[in-house]
Amino acid sequence: MTDEDLEAHARATAALLGLPIAPHQMPGVIAGLKVAVAAAALIERVPLTEAEEAAPVFRA
């Protein structure tokens, strides 16, 4: 994803949540999204077999 893609995603999500993002905050938001994208890419590389099961869902 490009910085422009990440910024568009951040702005759209913030608008849905009613969360203002000041212009001076956007570089930090983009940096955080880059970290999240990198972490997700690492997790997606882990091969899973039929033996792996999803974790149970706990509800309070």
Protein backbone atom coordinates (compact mmCIF):
# COMPACT_ATOMS: atom_id res chain seq x y z
CA MET A 1 0.00 0.00 0.00
CA THR A 2 1.20 3.48 -0.76
CA ASP A 3 1.20 6.33 1.73
CA GLU A 4 -1.70 7.79 -0.23
CA ASP A 5 -3.67 4.54 0.14
CA LEU A 6 -2.98 4.44 3.87
CA GLU A 7 -3.97 8.07 4.30
CA ALA A 8 -7.21 7.52 2.38
CA HIS A 9 -7.97 4.49 4.55
CA ALA A 10 -7.20 6.43 7.74
CA ARG A 11 -9.35 9.38 6.69
CA ALA A 12 -12.28 7.18 5.67
CA THR A 13 -12.13 5.15 8.88
CA ALA A 14 -11.77 8.26 11.03
CA ALA A 15 -14.78 9.81 9.32
CA LEU A 16 -16.89 6.72 10.05
CA LEU A 17 -15.87 6.89 13.70
CA GLY A 18 -16.24 10.65 13.97
CA LEU A 19 -12.58 10.84 14.93
CA PRO A 20 -10.74 13.98 13.82
CA ILE A 21 -7.17 13.60 12.61
CA ALA A 22 -5.21 16.83 12.50
CA PRO A 23 -2.83 17.28 9.55
CA HIS A 24 0.22 17.15 11.84
CA GLN A 25 -0.97 13.78 13.19
CA MET A 26 -1.32 12.06 9.81
CA PRO A 27 2.37 11.06 9.42
CA GLY A 28 2.17 9.20 12.73
CA VAL A 29 -1.09 7.54 11.75
CA ILE A 30 0.42 6.41 8.45
CA ALA A 31 3.52 5.10 10.27
CA GLY A 32 1.31 3.11 12.63
CA LEU A 33 -0.66 1.64 9.75
CA LYS A 34 2.60 0.62 8.05
CA VAL A 35 3.58 -1.30 11.19
CA ALA A 36 0.16 -2.99 11.27
CA VAL A 37 0.42 -3.95 7.58
CA ALA A 38 3.91 -5.40 8.14
CA ALA A 39 2.73 -7.39 11.17
CA ALA A 40 -0.24 -8.76 9.25
CA ALA A 41 2.05 -9.82 6.39
CA LEU A 42 4.21 -11.79 8.84
CA ILE A 43 1.19 -13.54 10.31
CA GLU A 44 -0.21 -14.39 6.88
CA ARG A 45 3.06 -16.15 5.98
CA VAL A 46 2.62 -18.76 8.71
CA PRO A 47 1.34 -21.92 7.06
CA LEU A 48 -1.64 -23.58 8.70
CA THR A 49 -2.68 -27.18 8.29
CA GLU A 50 -6.02 -28.90 8.70
CA ALA A 51 -4.96 -29.77 12.28
CA GLU A 52 -4.92 -26.12 13.40
CA GLU A 53 -8.16 -24.88 14.83
CA ALA A 54 -9.45 -21.41 15.40
CA ALA A 55 -9.28 -20.22 18.97
CA PRO A 56 -12.53 -20.44 20.88
CA VAL A 57 -14.58 -17.30 21.31
CA PHE A 58 -15.04 -16.22 24.91
CA ARG A 59 -17.97 -14.04 25.81
CA ALA A 60 -18.49 -12.40 29.19
